[in-house]
Amino acid sequence: IMNAFGLMQIGLILSCTTIISSLQCNHLPLQQRKVIESSLRLLDKMGKKFPEQCLKEKMSFRFPTQVLQPRQKETLGAAIEEIFQHIFYIFSKNLTLAAWDGTALDQFQNGLYLQIEQLEACVIEKHTHYRRSKEVSRLKLKKYFQKIDCFLKDKQHDLCSWEISRAEMRRCLQLIDKVTRKI
């Protein structure tokens, strides 16, 4: 049988955990900016300058910028979480021909993963409108990232397809950075 003191300790631990996680969520935009700055640096460090032979292969994937213009902060957080998950997925497979710095790639993936965990903890489902707009964003993002994934597959994950995708992810992160600076 647990005594009153033991129950008080558990209650104190739980309330501290809640306070700490809510403090982390309040600082999320600042944290995201730091993660994005770090991710952009790592993307640059992963590869060298964009190969000239790949310039003729440039591709327009058309990022759905409207997903980063919601009225609610939670919806924006959900969209950013979704983007990070897609980027993590793309940069987690068939990288043999990419010829990138492995350490920088690992750090890039780890940073994304930690940010996804943080966002998941902070993004709270509120009401139906929020869920509906989240679903629309999710579909637009899925379509965008599928284009990139198909492009990589069509090019058999060759060096140029990876470099073009890396440049696209850079643009994507820069858009998120621009939006989070306004919050």
C-alpha atoms as a PDB file:
ATOM      1  CA  ILE A   1       0.000   0.000   0.000  1.00  0.00           C
ATOM      2  CA  MET A   2       1.365   3.364  -1.042  1.00  0.00           C
ATOM      3  CA  ASN A   3       1.424   6.006   1.668  1.00  0.00           C
ATOM      4  CA  ALA A   4       0.315   9.625   1.273  1.00  0.00           C
ATOM      5  CA  PHE A   5       3.935  10.806   0.942  1.00  0.00           C
ATOM      6  CA  GLY A   6       4.504   8.431  -2.014  1.00  0.00           C
ATOM      7  CA  LEU A   7       1.354   9.686  -3.740  1.00  0.00           C
ATOM      8  CA  MET A   8       2.461  13.283  -3.181  1.00  0.00           C
ATOM      9  CA  GLN A   9       5.837  12.530  -4.789  1.00  0.00           C
ATOM     10  CA  ILE A  10       4.178  10.975  -7.852  1.00  0.00           C
ATOM     11  CA  GLY A  11       1.812  13.962  -8.118  1.00  0.00           C
ATOM     12  CA  LEU A  12       4.735  16.368  -7.894  1.00  0.00           C
ATOM     13  CA  ILE A  13       6.679  14.494 -10.593  1.00  0.00           C
ATOM     14  CA  LEU A  14       3.640  14.460 -12.915  1.00  0.00           C
ATOM     15  CA  SER A  15       2.939  18.175 -12.443  1.00  0.00           C
ATOM     16  CA  CYS A  16       6.625  19.018 -13.046  1.00  0.00           C
ATOM     17  CA  THR A  17       6.621  16.932 -16.225  1.00  0.00           C
ATOM     18  CA  THR A  18       3.504  18.764 -17.457  1.00  0.00           C
ATOM     19  CA  ILE A  19       5.023  22.176 -16.649  1.00  0.00           C
ATOM     20  CA  ILE A  20       8.314  21.269 -18.370  1.00  0.00           C
ATOM     21  CA  SER A  21       6.580  19.986 -21.515  1.00  0.00           C
ATOM     22  CA  SER A  22       4.315  23.058 -21.691  1.00  0.00           C
ATOM     23  CA  LEU A  23       7.377  25.299 -21.302  1.00  0.00           C
ATOM     24  CA  GLN A  24       9.050  23.404 -24.156  1.00  0.00           C
ATOM     25  CA  CYS A  25       5.929  23.917 -26.281  1.00  0.00           C
ATOM     26  CA  ASN A  26       5.928  27.660 -25.542  1.00  0.00           C
ATOM     27  CA  HIS A  27       9.492  27.868 -26.835  1.00  0.00           C
ATOM     28  CA  LEU A  28       8.780  25.687 -29.865  1.00  0.00           C
ATOM     29  CA  PRO A  29       9.055  28.438 -32.542  1.00  0.00           C
ATOM     30  CA  LEU A  30      12.485  29.438 -31.206  1.00  0.00           C
ATOM     31  CA  GLN A  31      13.514  25.795 -30.976  1.00  0.00           C
ATOM     32  CA  GLN A  32      12.315  25.171 -34.543  1.00  0.00           C
ATOM     33  CA  ARG A  33      14.356  28.091 -35.847  1.00  0.00           C
ATOM     34  CA  LYS A  34      17.467  26.619 -34.202  1.00  0.00           C
ATOM     35  CA  VAL A  35      16.727  23.149 -35.613  1.00  0.00           C
ATOM     36  CA  ILE A  36      16.112  24.588 -39.089  1.00  0.00           C
ATOM     37  CA  GLU A  37      19.319  26.675 -38.983  1.00  0.00           C
ATOM     38  CA  SER A  38      21.222  23.575 -37.910  1.00  0.00           C
ATOM     39  CA  SER A  39      19.491  21.440 -40.573  1.00  0.00           C
ATOM     40  CA  LEU A  40      20.354  23.951 -43.305  1.00  0.00           C
ATOM     41  CA  ARG A  41      24.001  23.973 -42.185  1.00  0.00           C
ATOM     42  CA  LEU A  42      24.043  20.158 -42.180  1.00  0.00           C
ATOM     43  CA  LEU A  43      22.426  19.992 -45.643  1.00  0.00           C
ATOM     44  CA  ASP A  44      25.252  22.207 -46.919  1.00  0.00           C
ATOM     45  CA  LYS A  45      27.860  20.141 -45.078  1.00  0.00           C
ATOM     46  CA  MET A  46      26.425  16.821 -46.337  1.00  0.00           C
ATOM     47  CA  GLY A  47      27.211  17.512 -49.959  1.00  0.00           C
ATOM     48  CA  LYS A  48      29.469  19.756 -51.904  1.00  0.00           C
ATOM     49  CA  LYS A  49      28.462  22.515 -54.314  1.00  0.00           C
ATOM     50  CA  PHE A  50      25.558  21.613 -56.615  1.00  0.00           C
ATOM     51  CA  PRO A  51      27.117  19.560 -59.470  1.00  0.00           C
ATOM     52  CA  GLU A  52      27.097  21.400 -62.792  1.00  0.00           C
ATOM     53  CA  GLN A  53      26.138  18.247 -64.705  1.00  0.00           C
ATOM     54  CA  CYS A  54      22.867  18.201 -62.721  1.00  0.00           C
ATOM     55  CA  LEU A  55      21.770  21.727 -63.710  1.00  0.00           C
ATOM     56  CA  LYS A  56      20.048  20.535 -66.903  1.00  0.00           C
ATOM     57  CA  GLU A  57      17.997  18.056 -64.855  1.00  0.00           C
ATOM     58  CA  LYS A  58      16.443  20.641 -62.525  1.00  0.00           C
ATOM     59  CA  MET A  59      12.874  19.846 -61.568  1.00  0.00           C
ATOM     60  CA  SER A  60      10.062  21.959 -60.144  1.00  0.00           C
ATOM     61  CA  PHE A  61       8.201  20.178 -57.365  1.00  0.00           C
ATOM     62  CA  ARG A  62       6.093  23.223 -56.360  1.00  0.00           C
ATOM     63  CA  PHE A  63       5.896  23.206 -52.571  1.00  0.00           C
ATOM     64  CA  PRO A  64       2.283  23.824 -51.378  1.00  0.00           C
ATOM     65  CA  THR A  65       3.040  27.082 -49.515  1.00  0.00           C
ATOM     66  CA  GLN A  66      -0.598  27.446 -48.377  1.00  0.00           C
ATOM     67  CA  VAL A  67      -0.024  24.670 -45.798  1.00  0.00           C
ATOM     68  CA  LEU A  68       2.277  27.075 -43.948  1.00  0.00           C
ATOM     69  CA  GLN A  69      -0.315  29.869 -43.789  1.00  0.00           C
ATOM     70  CA  PRO A  70      -2.908  28.592 -41.313  1.00  0.00           C
ATOM     71  CA  ARG A  71      -4.707  30.812 -38.804  1.00  0.00           C
ATOM     72  CA  GLN A  72      -3.946  28.550 -35.838  1.00  0.00           C
ATOM     73  CA  LYS A  73      -0.526  27.890 -34.356  1.00  0.00           C
ATOM     74  CA  GLU A  74      -1.421  24.216 -33.744  1.00  0.00           C
ATOM     75  CA  THR A  75      -2.263  23.705 -37.424  1.00  0.00           C
ATOM     76  CA  LEU A  76       1.078  25.223 -38.401  1.00  0.00           C
ATOM     77  CA  GLY A  77       2.844  22.928 -35.921  1.00  0.00           C
ATOM     78  CA  ALA A  78       1.044  19.926 -37.396  1.00  0.00           C
ATOM     79  CA  ALA A  79       2.051  20.963 -40.938  1.00  0.00           C
ATOM     80  CA  ILE A  80       5.690  21.430 -39.914  1.00  0.00           C
ATOM     81  CA  GLU A  81       5.674  18.065 -38.130  1.00  0.00           C
ATOM     82  CA  GLU A  82       4.299  16.456 -41.302  1.00  0.00           C
ATOM     83  CA  ILE A  83       6.992  18.125 -43.440  1.00  0.00           C
ATOM     84  CA  PHE A  84       9.759  16.956 -41.102  1.00  0.00           C
ATOM     85  CA  GLN A  85       8.391  13.400 -41.192  1.00  0.00           C
ATOM     86  CA  HIS A  86       8.414  13.389 -45.006  1.00  0.00           C
ATOM     87  CA  ILE A  87      11.936  14.839 -45.162  1.00  0.00           C
ATOM     88  CA  PHE A  88      13.096  12.241 -42.628  1.00  0.00           C
ATOM     89  CA  TYR A  89      11.506   9.470 -44.722  1.00  0.00           C
ATOM     90  CA  ILE A  90      13.112  10.659 -47.979  1.00  0.00           C
ATOM     91  CA  PHE A  91      16.546  10.992 -46.377  1.00  0.00           C
ATOM     92  CA  SER A  92      16.347   7.542 -44.784  1.00  0.00           C
ATOM     93  CA  LYS A  93      16.561   5.285 -47.829  1.00  0.00           C
ATOM     94  CA  ASN A  94      18.583   4.451 -50.946  1.00  0.00           C
ATOM     95  CA  LEU A  95      21.320   6.952 -50.166  1.00  0.00           C
ATOM     96  CA  THR A  96      24.175   4.870 -51.583  1.00  0.00           C
ATOM     97  CA  LEU A  97      24.609   7.018 -54.704  1.00  0.00           C
ATOM     98  CA  ALA A  98      24.251  10.327 -52.869  1.00  0.00           C
ATOM     99  CA  ALA A  99      27.959  10.425 -51.902  1.00  0.00           C
ATOM    100  CA  TRP A 100      27.303  12.630 -48.872  1.00  0.00           C
ATOM    101  CA  ASP A 101      29.122  13.111 -45.600  1.00  0.00           C
ATOM    102  CA  GLY A 102      27.716  10.329 -43.393  1.00  0.00           C
ATOM    103  CA  THR A 103      28.207  12.148 -40.084  1.00  0.00           C
ATOM    104  CA  ALA A 104      26.405  15.271 -41.302  1.00  0.00           C
ATOM    105  CA  LEU A 105      23.604  13.084 -42.696  1.00  0.00           C
ATOM    106  CA  ASP A 106      23.231  11.260 -39.349  1.00  0.00           C
ATOM    107  CA  GLN A 107      23.139  14.572 -37.463  1.00  0.00           C
ATOM    108  CA  PHE A 108      20.572  15.921 -39.941  1.00  0.00           C
ATOM    109  CA  GLN A 109      18.345  12.845 -39.468  1.00  0.00           C
ATOM    110  CA  ASN A 110      18.731  12.918 -35.666  1.00  0.00           C
ATOM    111  CA  GLY A 111      17.821  16.618 -35.512  1.00  0.00           C
ATOM    112  CA  LEU A 112      14.709  16.013 -37.611  1.00  0.00           C
ATOM    113  CA  TYR A 113      13.715  13.007 -35.519  1.00  0.00           C
ATOM    114  CA  LEU A 114      14.040  14.919 -32.236  1.00  0.00           C
ATOM    115  CA  GLN A 115      12.022  17.815 -33.645  1.00  0.00           C
ATOM    116  CA  ILE A 116       9.283  15.435 -34.831  1.00  0.00           C
ATOM    117  CA  GLU A 117       9.099  13.983 -31.300  1.00  0.00           C
ATOM    118  CA  GLN A 118       8.891  17.491 -29.804  1.00  0.00           C
ATOM    119  CA  LEU A 119       6.183  18.586 -32.239  1.00  0.00           C
ATOM    120  CA  GLU A 120       4.150  15.424 -31.643  1.00  0.00           C
ATOM    121  CA  ALA A 121       4.185  16.165 -27.921  1.00  0.00           C
ATOM    122  CA  CYS A 122       3.039  19.761 -28.459  1.00  0.00           C
ATOM    123  CA  VAL A 123       0.523  19.474 -31.290  1.00  0.00           C
ATOM    124  CA  ILE A 124      -2.858  18.904 -29.689  1.00  0.00           C
ATOM    125  CA  GLU A 125      -5.968  17.975 -31.626  1.00  0.00           C
ATOM    126  CA  LYS A 126      -8.491  20.704 -30.765  1.00  0.00           C
ATOM    127  CA  HIS A 127     -11.688  20.645 -32.820  1.00  0.00           C
ATOM    128  CA  THR A 128     -13.079  19.379 -36.118  1.00  0.00           C
ATOM    129  CA  HIS A 129     -12.147  22.461 -38.154  1.00  0.00           C
ATOM    130  CA  TYR A 130      -8.545  22.013 -37.068  1.00  0.00           C
ATOM    131  CA  ARG A 131      -8.589  18.316 -37.980  1.00  0.00           C
ATOM    132  CA  ARG A 132     -10.175  19.019 -41.365  1.00  0.00           C
ATOM    133  CA  SER A 133      -7.615  21.696 -42.273  1.00  0.00           C
ATOM    134  CA  LYS A 134      -4.860  19.375 -41.017  1.00  0.00           C
ATOM    135  CA  GLU A 135      -6.151  16.642 -43.351  1.00  0.00           C
ATOM    136  CA  VAL A 136      -6.158  19.004 -46.366  1.00  0.00           C
ATOM    137  CA  SER A 137      -2.586  20.056 -45.532  1.00  0.00           C
ATOM    138  CA  ARG A 138      -1.568  16.442 -45.059  1.00  0.00           C
ATOM    139  CA  LEU A 139      -2.868  15.486 -48.530  1.00  0.00           C
ATOM    140  CA  LYS A 140      -1.135  18.427 -50.242  1.00  0.00           C
ATOM    141  CA  LEU A 141       2.132  17.634 -48.504  1.00  0.00           C
ATOM    142  CA  LYS A 142       1.821  13.938 -49.293  1.00  0.00           C
ATOM    143  CA  LYS A 143       1.366  14.762 -52.996  1.00  0.00           C
ATOM    144  CA  TYR A 144       4.376  17.121 -52.961  1.00  0.00           C
ATOM    145  CA  PHE A 145       6.682  14.624 -51.270  1.00  0.00           C
ATOM    146  CA  GLN A 146       5.419  11.782 -53.496  1.00  0.00           C
ATOM    147  CA  LYS A 147       6.605  13.798 -56.511  1.00  0.00           C
ATOM    148  CA  ILE A 148      10.078  13.962 -54.965  1.00  0.00           C
ATOM    149  CA  ASP A 149      10.012  10.274 -54.051  1.00  0.00           C
ATOM    150  CA  CYS A 150       8.882   9.290 -57.579  1.00  0.00           C
ATOM    151  CA  PHE A 151      11.542  11.553 -59.100  1.00  0.00           C
ATOM    152  CA  LEU A 152      14.213   9.775 -57.032  1.00  0.00           C
ATOM    153  CA  LYS A 153      12.863   6.347 -58.041  1.00  0.00           C
ATOM    154  CA  ASP A 154      12.593   7.319 -61.726  1.00  0.00           C
ATOM    155  CA  LYS A 155      16.221   8.456 -61.670  1.00  0.00           C
ATOM    156  CA  GLN A 156      17.166   5.294 -59.735  1.00  0.00           C
ATOM    157  CA  HIS A 157      18.389   7.424 -56.817  1.00  0.00           C
ATOM    158  CA  ASP A 158      21.375   8.675 -58.822  1.00  0.00           C
ATOM    159  CA  LEU A 159      23.680  11.475 -57.692  1.00  0.00           C
ATOM    160  CA  CYS A 160      21.834  14.240 -59.566  1.00  0.00           C
ATOM    161  CA  SER A 161      18.396  13.184 -58.288  1.00  0.00           C
ATOM    162  CA  TRP A 162      19.739  13.312 -54.717  1.00  0.00           C
ATOM    163  CA  GLU A 163      21.369  16.698 -55.260  1.00  0.00           C
ATOM    164  CA  ILE A 164      18.160  18.114 -56.750  1.00  0.00           C
ATOM    165  CA  SER A 165      16.186  16.687 -53.809  1.00  0.00           C
ATOM    166  CA  ARG A 166      18.690  18.133 -51.335  1.00  0.00           C
ATOM    167  CA  ALA A 167      18.299  21.572 -52.947  1.00  0.00           C
ATOM    168  CA  GLU A 168      14.501  21.186 -52.748  1.00  0.00           C
ATOM    169  CA  MET A 169      14.652  20.268 -49.036  1.00  0.00           C
ATOM    170  CA  ARG A 170      16.780  23.365 -48.481  1.00  0.00           C
ATOM    171  CA  ARG A 171      14.041  25.528 -50.057  1.00  0.00           C
ATOM    172  CA  CYS A 172      11.427  23.720 -47.999  1.00  0.00           C
ATOM    173  CA  LEU A 173      13.284  24.369 -44.713  1.00  0.00           C
ATOM    174  CA  GLN A 174      13.858  28.001 -45.684  1.00  0.00           C
ATOM    175  CA  LEU A 175      10.085  28.442 -46.156  1.00  0.00           C
ATOM    176  CA  ILE A 176       9.421  26.969 -42.703  1.00  0.00           C
ATOM    177  CA  ASP A 177      12.100  29.222 -41.243  1.00  0.00           C
ATOM    178  CA  LYS A 178      10.492  32.282 -42.836  1.00  0.00           C
ATOM    179  CA  VAL A 179       7.087  31.371 -41.362  1.00  0.00           C
ATOM    180  CA  THR A 180       8.361  30.524 -37.855  1.00  0.00           C
ATOM    181  CA  ARG A 181      10.200  33.850 -37.658  1.00  0.00           C
ATOM    182  CA  LYS A 182       6.816  35.605 -38.026  1.00  0.00           C
ATOM    183  CA  ILE A 183       5.286  33.764 -35.051  1.00  0.00           C
END
